[in-house]
Amino acid sequence: MYVLICPCITNPSLRAEGITSEADIDQFNRARERCEHFGIDVVTLPCPETLYLGRDRLPGTFLERLNTPGFFELLGDLEAEVREVIRTRGPPLCIIGVNSSPTCGATATHYGSSDGSPSKRPGRGVFLDRFPEIKVVDVSEFARYRVYLAAPLFSEAEKKFNLVIAELLTSHFFQVYLPQDVGDDNHCRDSEEHRHIFESHVRALDSTDLLVAVIDGADADSGTSWEMGYAYRRGIPVYAVRTDFRIAGHHELVNLMLEQSSTVVRNPSDLPGAMKSPRC
């Protein structure tokens, strides 16, 4: 199992001058960490822009710098190299792109404009566009893989369902923090243990990329609701699972505040797709 990864993710010095931020470096590092954590091999793509324009270059669009017969010839040669890798190793899990790149954009690219319209447009960069059969994920999405699973955990049935969700997410290369694995769960625990559990969960929330919440029941679990609100306030994307067929109103499954602050799915199998799993 492997991914094809844009070269500036493994070597940011290949990017045009002045465009790499600390946030970019953090995303690049965490994308590589995800691969390492799950044993995913990384195969680095060639960098068409560096090969054609050199390392010392200013930012520019495809139309400004690269729309030449020589560059298209280079793209053809590089595509042949990559397709040989695919022929030898089999199809990759995905390609990890870098949005805005004229060549390696995943869902947006600085293509340029000749009529005054915005230079950035939806779609892949011109190099990744040569591999339409392979899923492309932007590095900013691929870097989000640490998940906090917020859910009621007070019965064996609840704990088993949480394990099902955790195993599903792990199979899609998400690293899951499962609160039921932390701390003493008997009713005799003291205030010191309560503080330990609370602090452990808050630390995990502060370092997570995504939150998945189970909101089944006549009303959502209070601890789960608190965790959802905390994540939402911190700008952490929240995904809620509601398999319960009961509804609270014509346009409300359980609680409008929870639903408006999250992406709700009705079946756990829909979670990976909503979370932009590289396997979907």
C-alpha atoms as a PDB file:
ATOM      1  CA  MET A   1       0.000   0.000   0.000  1.00  0.00           C
ATOM      2  CA  TYR A   2       1.357   3.384  -0.985  1.00  0.00           C
ATOM      3  CA  VAL A   3       0.459   6.946  -1.852  1.00  0.00           C
ATOM      4  CA  LEU A   4       1.815   9.210  -4.529  1.00  0.00           C
ATOM      5  CA  ILE A   5       2.749  12.452  -2.838  1.00  0.00           C
ATOM      6  CA  CYS A   6       3.551  15.836  -4.328  1.00  0.00           C
ATOM      7  CA  PRO A   7       7.258  16.618  -3.969  1.00  0.00           C
ATOM      8  CA  CYS A   8       6.952  19.841  -1.999  1.00  0.00           C
ATOM      9  CA  ILE A   9       5.294  17.893   0.836  1.00  0.00           C
ATOM     10  CA  THR A  10       8.493  15.937   1.365  1.00  0.00           C
ATOM     11  CA  ASN A  11      10.762  18.830   0.353  1.00  0.00           C
ATOM     12  CA  PRO A  12       9.152  22.271   0.853  1.00  0.00           C
ATOM     13  CA  SER A  13      12.226  23.991  -0.622  1.00  0.00           C
ATOM     14  CA  LEU A  14      10.904  23.001  -4.047  1.00  0.00           C
ATOM     15  CA  ARG A  15       8.061  25.508  -3.739  1.00  0.00           C
ATOM     16  CA  ALA A  16       8.135  28.956  -5.319  1.00  0.00           C
ATOM     17  CA  GLU A  17       9.720  31.655  -3.174  1.00  0.00           C
ATOM     18  CA  GLY A  18       7.729  33.153  -0.310  1.00  0.00           C
ATOM     19  CA  ILE A  19       4.595  30.998  -0.409  1.00  0.00           C
ATOM     20  CA  THR A  20       5.285  28.444   2.335  1.00  0.00           C
ATOM     21  CA  SER A  21       3.851  29.254   5.764  1.00  0.00           C
ATOM     22  CA  GLU A  22       4.299  27.568   9.133  1.00  0.00           C
ATOM     23  CA  ALA A  23       0.786  26.156   8.733  1.00  0.00           C
ATOM     24  CA  ASP A  24       1.869  24.573   5.436  1.00  0.00           C
ATOM     25  CA  ILE A  25       4.884  22.947   7.093  1.00  0.00           C
ATOM     26  CA  ASP A  26       2.664  21.611   9.884  1.00  0.00           C
ATOM     27  CA  GLN A  27       0.280  20.072   7.349  1.00  0.00           C
ATOM     28  CA  PHE A  28       3.131  18.535   5.378  1.00  0.00           C
ATOM     29  CA  ASN A  29       4.615  17.028   8.543  1.00  0.00           C
ATOM     30  CA  ARG A  30       1.310  15.585   9.732  1.00  0.00           C
ATOM     31  CA  ALA A  31       0.537  14.110   6.312  1.00  0.00           C
ATOM     32  CA  ARG A  32       3.839  12.244   6.448  1.00  0.00           C
ATOM     33  CA  GLU A  33       3.156  11.242  10.077  1.00  0.00           C
ATOM     34  CA  ARG A  34      -0.167   9.699   9.042  1.00  0.00           C
ATOM     35  CA  CYS A  35       1.582   7.585   6.440  1.00  0.00           C
ATOM     36  CA  GLU A  36       4.236   6.508   8.926  1.00  0.00           C
ATOM     37  CA  HIS A  37       1.668   5.715  11.622  1.00  0.00           C
ATOM     38  CA  PHE A  38      -0.305   3.384   9.350  1.00  0.00           C
ATOM     39  CA  GLY A  39       2.627   1.907   7.430  1.00  0.00           C
ATOM     40  CA  ILE A  40       1.704   3.566   4.137  1.00  0.00           C
ATOM     41  CA  ASP A  41       4.646   3.796   1.739  1.00  0.00           C
ATOM     42  CA  VAL A  42       5.315   7.221   0.257  1.00  0.00           C
ATOM     43  CA  VAL A  43       6.329   7.548  -3.391  1.00  0.00           C
ATOM     44  CA  THR A  44       7.283  11.119  -4.245  1.00  0.00           C
ATOM     45  CA  LEU A  45       6.157  12.533  -7.575  1.00  0.00           C
ATOM     46  CA  PRO A  46       8.574  14.538  -9.730  1.00  0.00           C
ATOM     47  CA  CYS A  47       8.184  18.320  -9.608  1.00  0.00           C
ATOM     48  CA  PRO A  48       7.408  19.635 -13.101  1.00  0.00           C
ATOM     49  CA  GLU A  49       7.790  23.298 -12.110  1.00  0.00           C
ATOM     50  CA  THR A  50      11.236  22.837 -10.586  1.00  0.00           C
ATOM     51  CA  LEU A  51      12.443  20.787 -13.530  1.00  0.00           C
ATOM     52  CA  TYR A  52      11.186  23.393 -16.001  1.00  0.00           C
ATOM     53  CA  LEU A  53      11.757  26.706 -14.190  1.00  0.00           C
ATOM     54  CA  GLY A  54      14.403  25.832 -11.603  1.00  0.00           C
ATOM     55  CA  ARG A  55      14.343  26.171  -7.811  1.00  0.00           C
ATOM     56  CA  ASP A  56      14.758  29.944  -7.668  1.00  0.00           C
ATOM     57  CA  ARG A  57      11.419  31.054  -9.043  1.00  0.00           C
ATOM     58  CA  LEU A  58       8.666  33.433  -8.052  1.00  0.00           C
ATOM     59  CA  PRO A  59       5.025  32.344  -7.795  1.00  0.00           C
ATOM     60  CA  GLY A  60       3.104  32.306 -11.031  1.00  0.00           C
ATOM     61  CA  THR A  61       0.118  30.745 -12.748  1.00  0.00           C
ATOM     62  CA  PHE A  62       0.102  28.051 -15.390  1.00  0.00           C
ATOM     63  CA  LEU A  63      -0.792  30.498 -18.166  1.00  0.00           C
ATOM     64  CA  GLU A  64       1.940  32.932 -17.110  1.00  0.00           C
ATOM     65  CA  ARG A  65       4.839  30.512 -16.893  1.00  0.00           C
ATOM     66  CA  LEU A  66       4.047  27.009 -18.099  1.00  0.00           C
ATOM     67  CA  ASN A  67       1.734  27.131 -21.104  1.00  0.00           C
ATOM     68  CA  THR A  68       4.417  26.173 -23.629  1.00  0.00           C
ATOM     69  CA  PRO A  69       5.070  23.198 -25.935  1.00  0.00           C
ATOM     70  CA  GLY A  70       8.265  22.435 -23.989  1.00  0.00           C
ATOM     71  CA  PHE A  71       6.399  22.142 -20.713  1.00  0.00           C
ATOM     72  CA  PHE A  72       3.743  19.886 -22.206  1.00  0.00           C
ATOM     73  CA  GLU A  73       6.485  17.643 -23.547  1.00  0.00           C
ATOM     74  CA  LEU A  74       8.004  17.499 -20.061  1.00  0.00           C
ATOM     75  CA  LEU A  75       4.603  16.627 -18.559  1.00  0.00           C
ATOM     76  CA  GLY A  76       4.274  13.758 -21.013  1.00  0.00           C
ATOM     77  CA  ASP A  77       7.657  12.359 -20.010  1.00  0.00           C
ATOM     78  CA  LEU A  78       6.883  12.677 -16.291  1.00  0.00           C
ATOM     79  CA  GLU A  79       3.474  11.071 -16.709  1.00  0.00           C
ATOM     80  CA  ALA A  80       5.150   8.087 -18.371  1.00  0.00           C
ATOM     81  CA  GLU A  81       7.525   7.751 -15.384  1.00  0.00           C
ATOM     82  CA  VAL A  82       4.665   7.801 -12.898  1.00  0.00           C
ATOM     83  CA  ARG A  83       2.583   5.346 -14.910  1.00  0.00           C
ATOM     84  CA  GLU A  84       5.510   2.939 -14.865  1.00  0.00           C
ATOM     85  CA  VAL A  85       5.493   3.136 -11.059  1.00  0.00           C
ATOM     86  CA  ILE A  86       1.757   2.414 -11.070  1.00  0.00           C
ATOM     87  CA  ARG A  87       2.216  -0.490 -13.489  1.00  0.00           C
ATOM     88  CA  THR A  88       4.903  -1.980 -11.255  1.00  0.00           C
ATOM     89  CA  ARG A  89       3.321  -1.382  -7.850  1.00  0.00           C
ATOM     90  CA  GLY A  90      -0.359  -1.340  -8.655  1.00  0.00           C
ATOM     91  CA  PRO A  91      -2.773   1.563  -8.116  1.00  0.00           C
ATOM     92  CA  PRO A  92      -1.963   3.859  -5.181  1.00  0.00           C
ATOM     93  CA  LEU A  93      -4.327   4.569  -2.314  1.00  0.00           C
ATOM     94  CA  CYS A  94      -4.498   8.150  -3.576  1.00  0.00           C
ATOM     95  CA  ILE A  95      -2.437  11.114  -4.693  1.00  0.00           C
ATOM     96  CA  ILE A  96      -1.800  13.764  -2.051  1.00  0.00           C
ATOM     97  CA  GLY A  97      -1.857  17.143  -3.751  1.00  0.00           C
ATOM     98  CA  VAL A  98      -1.303  20.746  -2.694  1.00  0.00           C
ATOM     99  CA  ASN A  99      -4.143  23.116  -3.498  1.00  0.00           C
ATOM    100  CA  SER A 100      -3.414  26.261  -5.497  1.00  0.00           C
ATOM    101  CA  SER A 101      -0.418  24.667  -7.200  1.00  0.00           C
ATOM    102  CA  PRO A 102      -0.566  25.147 -11.002  1.00  0.00           C
ATOM    103  CA  THR A 103       0.649  21.575 -11.447  1.00  0.00           C
ATOM    104  CA  CYS A 104      -0.262  19.667  -8.267  1.00  0.00           C
ATOM    105  CA  GLY A 105      -3.493  21.270  -7.078  1.00  0.00           C
ATOM    106  CA  ALA A 106      -6.034  18.771  -5.770  1.00  0.00           C
ATOM    107  CA  THR A 107      -9.351  20.645  -5.964  1.00  0.00           C
ATOM    108  CA  ALA A 108      -8.136  24.158  -6.810  1.00  0.00           C
ATOM    109  CA  THR A 109      -5.363  25.494  -9.014  1.00  0.00           C
ATOM    110  CA  HIS A 110      -3.838  28.839  -9.979  1.00  0.00           C
ATOM    111  CA  TYR A 111      -4.422  28.265 -13.662  1.00  0.00           C
ATOM    112  CA  GLY A 112      -4.454  31.917 -14.676  1.00  0.00           C
ATOM    113  CA  SER A 113      -6.817  34.058 -16.686  1.00  0.00           C
ATOM    114  CA  SER A 114      -6.781  35.980 -19.950  1.00  0.00           C
ATOM    115  CA  ASP A 115     -10.122  37.752 -19.490  1.00  0.00           C
ATOM    116  CA  GLY A 116      -9.844  39.323 -16.043  1.00  0.00           C
ATOM    117  CA  SER A 117     -11.568  36.467 -14.206  1.00  0.00           C
ATOM    118  CA  PRO A 118      -9.920  35.046 -11.043  1.00  0.00           C
ATOM    119  CA  SER A 119      -6.696  33.189 -11.733  1.00  0.00           C
ATOM    120  CA  LYS A 120      -7.593  30.496  -9.199  1.00  0.00           C
ATOM    121  CA  ARG A 121     -10.228  28.042 -10.336  1.00  0.00           C
ATOM    122  CA  PRO A 122     -11.696  24.712  -9.170  1.00  0.00           C
ATOM    123  CA  GLY A 123     -10.074  21.533 -10.420  1.00  0.00           C
ATOM    124  CA  ARG A 124      -6.757  19.747 -10.433  1.00  0.00           C
ATOM    125  CA  GLY A 125      -3.411  21.160 -11.435  1.00  0.00           C
ATOM    126  CA  VAL A 126      -2.242  20.328 -14.935  1.00  0.00           C
ATOM    127  CA  PHE A 127       0.047  17.475 -13.837  1.00  0.00           C
ATOM    128  CA  LEU A 128      -2.399  15.706 -11.528  1.00  0.00           C
ATOM    129  CA  ASP A 129      -5.109  16.204 -14.130  1.00  0.00           C
ATOM    130  CA  ARG A 130      -3.279  13.576 -16.186  1.00  0.00           C
ATOM    131  CA  PHE A 131      -4.346  10.901 -13.676  1.00  0.00           C
ATOM    132  CA  PRO A 132      -8.156  11.235 -13.642  1.00  0.00           C
ATOM    133  CA  GLU A 133      -8.651   7.625 -12.529  1.00  0.00           C
ATOM    134  CA  ILE A 134      -6.782   8.150  -9.236  1.00  0.00           C
ATOM    135  CA  LYS A 135      -8.351   9.857  -6.228  1.00  0.00           C
ATOM    136  CA  VAL A 136      -6.592  13.099  -5.260  1.00  0.00           C
ATOM    137  CA  VAL A 137      -6.727  14.438  -1.691  1.00  0.00           C
ATOM    138  CA  ASP A 138      -5.468  17.872  -0.695  1.00  0.00           C
ATOM    139  CA  VAL A 139      -2.710  17.732   1.902  1.00  0.00           C
ATOM    140  CA  SER A 140      -4.774  19.883   4.274  1.00  0.00           C
ATOM    141  CA  GLU A 141      -7.436  17.152   4.351  1.00  0.00           C
ATOM    142  CA  PHE A 142      -5.005  14.236   4.502  1.00  0.00           C
ATOM    143  CA  ALA A 143      -3.201  15.859   7.441  1.00  0.00           C
ATOM    144  CA  ARG A 144      -6.392  15.701   9.535  1.00  0.00           C
ATOM    145  CA  TYR A 145      -6.351  12.170  10.872  1.00  0.00           C
ATOM    146  CA  ARG A 146      -6.466  12.390  14.681  1.00  0.00           C
ATOM    147  CA  VAL A 147     -10.038  11.743  15.830  1.00  0.00           C
ATOM    148  CA  TYR A 148     -11.699  12.169  19.220  1.00  0.00           C
ATOM    149  CA  LEU A 149     -14.655   9.797  19.545  1.00  0.00           C
ATOM    150  CA  ALA A 150     -17.295  11.415  21.762  1.00  0.00           C
ATOM    151  CA  ALA A 151     -20.042   9.003  22.792  1.00  0.00           C
ATOM    152  CA  PRO A 152     -21.957   7.614  25.753  1.00  0.00           C
ATOM    153  CA  LEU A 153     -19.956   4.812  27.396  1.00  0.00           C
ATOM    154  CA  PHE A 154     -22.037   3.657  30.325  1.00  0.00           C
ATOM    155  CA  SER A 155     -23.214   0.231  29.147  1.00  0.00           C
ATOM    156  CA  GLU A 156     -21.644  -2.749  27.425  1.00  0.00           C
ATOM    157  CA  ALA A 157     -23.801  -2.097  24.362  1.00  0.00           C
ATOM    158  CA  GLU A 158     -22.588   1.513  24.128  1.00  0.00           C
ATOM    159  CA  LYS A 159     -18.948   0.503  24.547  1.00  0.00           C
ATOM    160  CA  LYS A 160     -19.227  -2.178  21.874  1.00  0.00           C
ATOM    161  CA  PHE A 161     -20.821   0.259  19.430  1.00  0.00           C
ATOM    162  CA  ASN A 162     -18.029   2.754  20.121  1.00  0.00           C
ATOM    163  CA  LEU A 163     -15.485   0.049  19.305  1.00  0.00           C
ATOM    164  CA  VAL A 164     -17.266  -0.612  16.007  1.00  0.00           C
ATOM    165  CA  ILE A 165     -16.999   3.074  15.110  1.00  0.00           C
ATOM    166  CA  ALA A 166     -13.340   3.214  16.199  1.00  0.00           C
ATOM    167  CA  GLU A 167     -12.448   0.135  14.153  1.00  0.00           C
ATOM    168  CA  LEU A 168     -14.220   1.555  11.097  1.00  0.00           C
ATOM    169  CA  LEU A 169     -12.273   4.814  11.372  1.00  0.00           C
ATOM    170  CA  THR A 170      -8.981   3.013  11.963  1.00  0.00           C
ATOM    171  CA  SER A 171      -9.536   0.985   8.791  1.00  0.00           C
ATOM    172  CA  HIS A 172      -9.683   4.332   6.976  1.00  0.00           C
ATOM    173  CA  PHE A 173      -6.383   5.461   8.493  1.00  0.00           C
ATOM    174  CA  PHE A 174      -7.766   7.672  11.258  1.00  0.00           C
ATOM    175  CA  GLN A 175      -6.063   7.562  14.654  1.00  0.00           C
ATOM    176  CA  VAL A 176      -8.823   7.368  17.265  1.00  0.00           C
ATOM    177  CA  TYR A 177      -8.842   8.584  20.860  1.00  0.00           C
ATOM    178  CA  LEU A 178     -11.429   6.485  22.690  1.00  0.00           C
ATOM    179  CA  PRO A 179     -12.449   8.042  26.038  1.00  0.00           C
ATOM    180  CA  GLN A 180     -13.681   4.729  27.424  1.00  0.00           C
ATOM    181  CA  ASP A 181     -10.064   3.523  27.429  1.00  0.00           C
ATOM    182  CA  VAL A 182      -9.009   6.298  29.804  1.00  0.00           C
ATOM    183  CA  GLY A 183      -9.431   6.152  33.571  1.00  0.00           C
ATOM    184  CA  ASP A 184     -11.355   4.044  36.059  1.00  0.00           C
ATOM    185  CA  ASP A 185     -14.970   3.374  35.012  1.00  0.00           C
ATOM    186  CA  ASN A 186     -16.393   2.072  38.279  1.00  0.00           C
ATOM    187  CA  HIS A 187     -18.889   4.062  40.331  1.00  0.00           C
ATOM    188  CA  CYS A 188     -16.529   4.293  43.340  1.00  0.00           C
ATOM    189  CA  ARG A 189     -13.934   6.523  41.691  1.00  0.00           C
ATOM    190  CA  ASP A 190     -13.006   9.617  43.664  1.00  0.00           C
ATOM    191  CA  SER A 191     -12.651  13.300  42.821  1.00  0.00           C
ATOM    192  CA  GLU A 192      -8.956  12.916  41.998  1.00  0.00           C
ATOM    193  CA  GLU A 193      -9.794  10.295  39.379  1.00  0.00           C
ATOM    194  CA  HIS A 194     -12.546  12.561  38.024  1.00  0.00           C
ATOM    195  CA  ARG A 195     -10.000  15.341  37.554  1.00  0.00           C
ATOM    196  CA  HIS A 196      -7.560  12.951  35.843  1.00  0.00           C
ATOM    197  CA  ILE A 197     -10.224  11.775  33.389  1.00  0.00           C
ATOM    198  CA  PHE A 198     -11.397  15.315  32.658  1.00  0.00           C
ATOM    199  CA  GLU A 199      -7.879  16.628  32.043  1.00  0.00           C
ATOM    200  CA  SER A 200      -6.986  13.654  29.833  1.00  0.00           C
ATOM    201  CA  HIS A 201     -10.033  14.222  27.671  1.00  0.00           C
ATOM    202  CA  VAL A 202      -9.465  17.971  27.371  1.00  0.00           C
ATOM    203  CA  ARG A 203      -5.834  17.427  26.340  1.00  0.00           C
ATOM    204  CA  ALA A 204      -7.016  14.994  23.682  1.00  0.00           C
ATOM    205  CA  LEU A 205      -9.634  17.476  22.458  1.00  0.00           C
ATOM    206  CA  ASP A 206      -7.031  20.227  22.269  1.00  0.00           C
ATOM    207  CA  SER A 207      -4.798  18.107  20.037  1.00  0.00           C
ATOM    208  CA  THR A 208      -7.403  16.437  17.840  1.00  0.00           C
ATOM    209  CA  ASP A 209      -8.096  17.224  14.184  1.00  0.00           C
ATOM    210  CA  LEU A 210     -11.660  15.945  13.997  1.00  0.00           C
ATOM    211  CA  LEU A 211     -14.415  14.973  16.412  1.00  0.00           C
ATOM    212  CA  VAL A 212     -16.879  12.150  15.809  1.00  0.00           C
ATOM    213  CA  ALA A 213     -19.910  12.084  18.115  1.00  0.00           C
ATOM    214  CA  VAL A 214     -22.623   9.488  18.658  1.00  0.00           C
ATOM    215  CA  ILE A 215     -25.909  11.316  19.288  1.00  0.00           C
ATOM    216  CA  ASP A 216     -28.332   8.394  19.561  1.00  0.00           C
ATOM    217  CA  GLY A 217     -31.024   8.325  22.225  1.00  0.00           C
ATOM    218  CA  ALA A 218     -34.106  10.353  23.075  1.00  0.00           C
ATOM    219  CA  ASP A 219     -31.655  13.142  23.895  1.00  0.00           C
ATOM    220  CA  ALA A 220     -27.931  13.256  23.237  1.00  0.00           C
ATOM    221  CA  ASP A 221     -25.590  12.295  26.073  1.00  0.00           C
ATOM    222  CA  SER A 222     -24.631  15.375  28.123  1.00  0.00           C
ATOM    223  CA  GLY A 223     -20.888  14.648  28.143  1.00  0.00           C
ATOM    224  CA  THR A 224     -20.926  14.085  24.385  1.00  0.00           C
ATOM    225  CA  SER A 225     -22.804  17.360  23.897  1.00  0.00           C
ATOM    226  CA  TRP A 226     -20.198  19.216  25.973  1.00  0.00           C
ATOM    227  CA  GLU A 227     -17.377  17.717  23.901  1.00  0.00           C
ATOM    228  CA  MET A 228     -19.125  18.680  20.664  1.00  0.00           C
ATOM    229  CA  GLY A 229     -19.566  22.264  21.839  1.00  0.00           C
ATOM    230  CA  TYR A 230     -15.952  22.488  22.969  1.00  0.00           C
ATOM    231  CA  ALA A 231     -14.712  21.194  19.610  1.00  0.00           C
ATOM    232  CA  TYR A 232     -16.985  23.509  17.630  1.00  0.00           C
ATOM    233  CA  ARG A 233     -15.797  26.526  19.600  1.00  0.00           C
ATOM    234  CA  ARG A 234     -12.184  25.598  18.829  1.00  0.00           C
ATOM    235  CA  GLY A 235     -12.889  25.270  15.100  1.00  0.00           C
ATOM    236  CA  ILE A 236     -12.542  21.484  15.043  1.00  0.00           C
ATOM    237  CA  PRO A 237     -14.823  19.854  12.436  1.00  0.00           C
ATOM    238  CA  VAL A 238     -17.535  17.754  14.107  1.00  0.00           C
ATOM    239  CA  TYR A 239     -19.209  14.695  12.556  1.00  0.00           C
ATOM    240  CA  ALA A 240     -22.255  13.261  14.330  1.00  0.00           C
ATOM    241  CA  VAL A 241     -23.703   9.758  13.962  1.00  0.00           C
ATOM    242  CA  ARG A 242     -27.447   9.434  14.531  1.00  0.00           C
ATOM    243  CA  THR A 243     -28.765   5.900  13.899  1.00  0.00           C
ATOM    244  CA  ASP A 244     -31.792   6.373  16.165  1.00  0.00           C
ATOM    245  CA  PHE A 245     -34.981   6.588  14.062  1.00  0.00           C
ATOM    246  CA  ARG A 246     -36.739   8.895  16.554  1.00  0.00           C
ATOM    247  CA  ILE A 247     -36.913  12.579  15.630  1.00  0.00           C
ATOM    248  CA  ALA A 248     -37.460  15.710  17.699  1.00  0.00           C
ATOM    249  CA  GLY A 249     -39.404  17.682  15.082  1.00  0.00           C
ATOM    250  CA  HIS A 250     -40.166  18.040  11.384  1.00  0.00           C
ATOM    251  CA  HIS A 251     -36.670  19.373  10.662  1.00  0.00           C
ATOM    252  CA  GLU A 252     -34.794  18.197  13.745  1.00  0.00           C
ATOM    253  CA  LEU A 253     -33.388  14.772  14.550  1.00  0.00           C
ATOM    254  CA  VAL A 254     -32.371  15.322  18.150  1.00  0.00           C
ATOM    255  CA  ASN A 255     -31.128  18.850  18.949  1.00  0.00           C
ATOM    256  CA  LEU A 256     -30.775  21.793  16.577  1.00  0.00           C
ATOM    257  CA  MET A 257     -27.649  23.160  18.324  1.00  0.00           C
ATOM    258  CA  LEU A 258     -25.817  19.862  17.903  1.00  0.00           C
ATOM    259  CA  GLU A 259     -27.022  19.364  14.347  1.00  0.00           C
ATOM    260  CA  GLN A 260     -26.188  22.890  13.184  1.00  0.00           C
ATOM    261  CA  SER A 261     -22.662  22.602  14.556  1.00  0.00           C
ATOM    262  CA  SER A 262     -21.872  19.267  12.910  1.00  0.00           C
ATOM    263  CA  THR A 263     -22.177  17.144   9.808  1.00  0.00           C
ATOM    264  CA  VAL A 264     -24.767  14.475  10.646  1.00  0.00           C
ATOM    265  CA  VAL A 265     -24.802  11.001   9.068  1.00  0.00           C
ATOM    266  CA  ARG A 266     -27.477   8.379   9.682  1.00  0.00           C
ATOM    267  CA  ASN A 267     -25.338   5.318   9.018  1.00  0.00           C
ATOM    268  CA  PRO A 268     -21.806   4.712  10.372  1.00  0.00           C
ATOM    269  CA  SER A 269     -20.709   3.480   6.947  1.00  0.00           C
ATOM    270  CA  ASP A 270     -21.242   7.016   5.646  1.00  0.00           C
ATOM    271  CA  LEU A 271     -18.749   8.487   8.130  1.00  0.00           C
ATOM    272  CA  PRO A 272     -15.497   7.852   6.205  1.00  0.00           C
ATOM    273  CA  GLY A 273     -16.841   9.515   3.078  1.00  0.00           C
ATOM    274  CA  ALA A 274     -18.066  12.550   5.019  1.00  0.00           C
ATOM    275  CA  MET A 275     -14.645  12.786   6.667  1.00  0.00           C
ATOM    276  CA  LYS A 276     -12.889  12.608   3.270  1.00  0.00           C
ATOM    277  CA  SER A 277     -11.137   9.326   3.881  1.00  0.00           C
ATOM    278  CA  PRO A 278      -8.420   8.606   1.316  1.00  0.00           C
ATOM    279  CA  ARG A 279     -10.052   5.204   0.805  1.00  0.00           C
ATOM    280  CA  CYS A 280     -13.436   6.590  -0.328  1.00  0.00           C
END
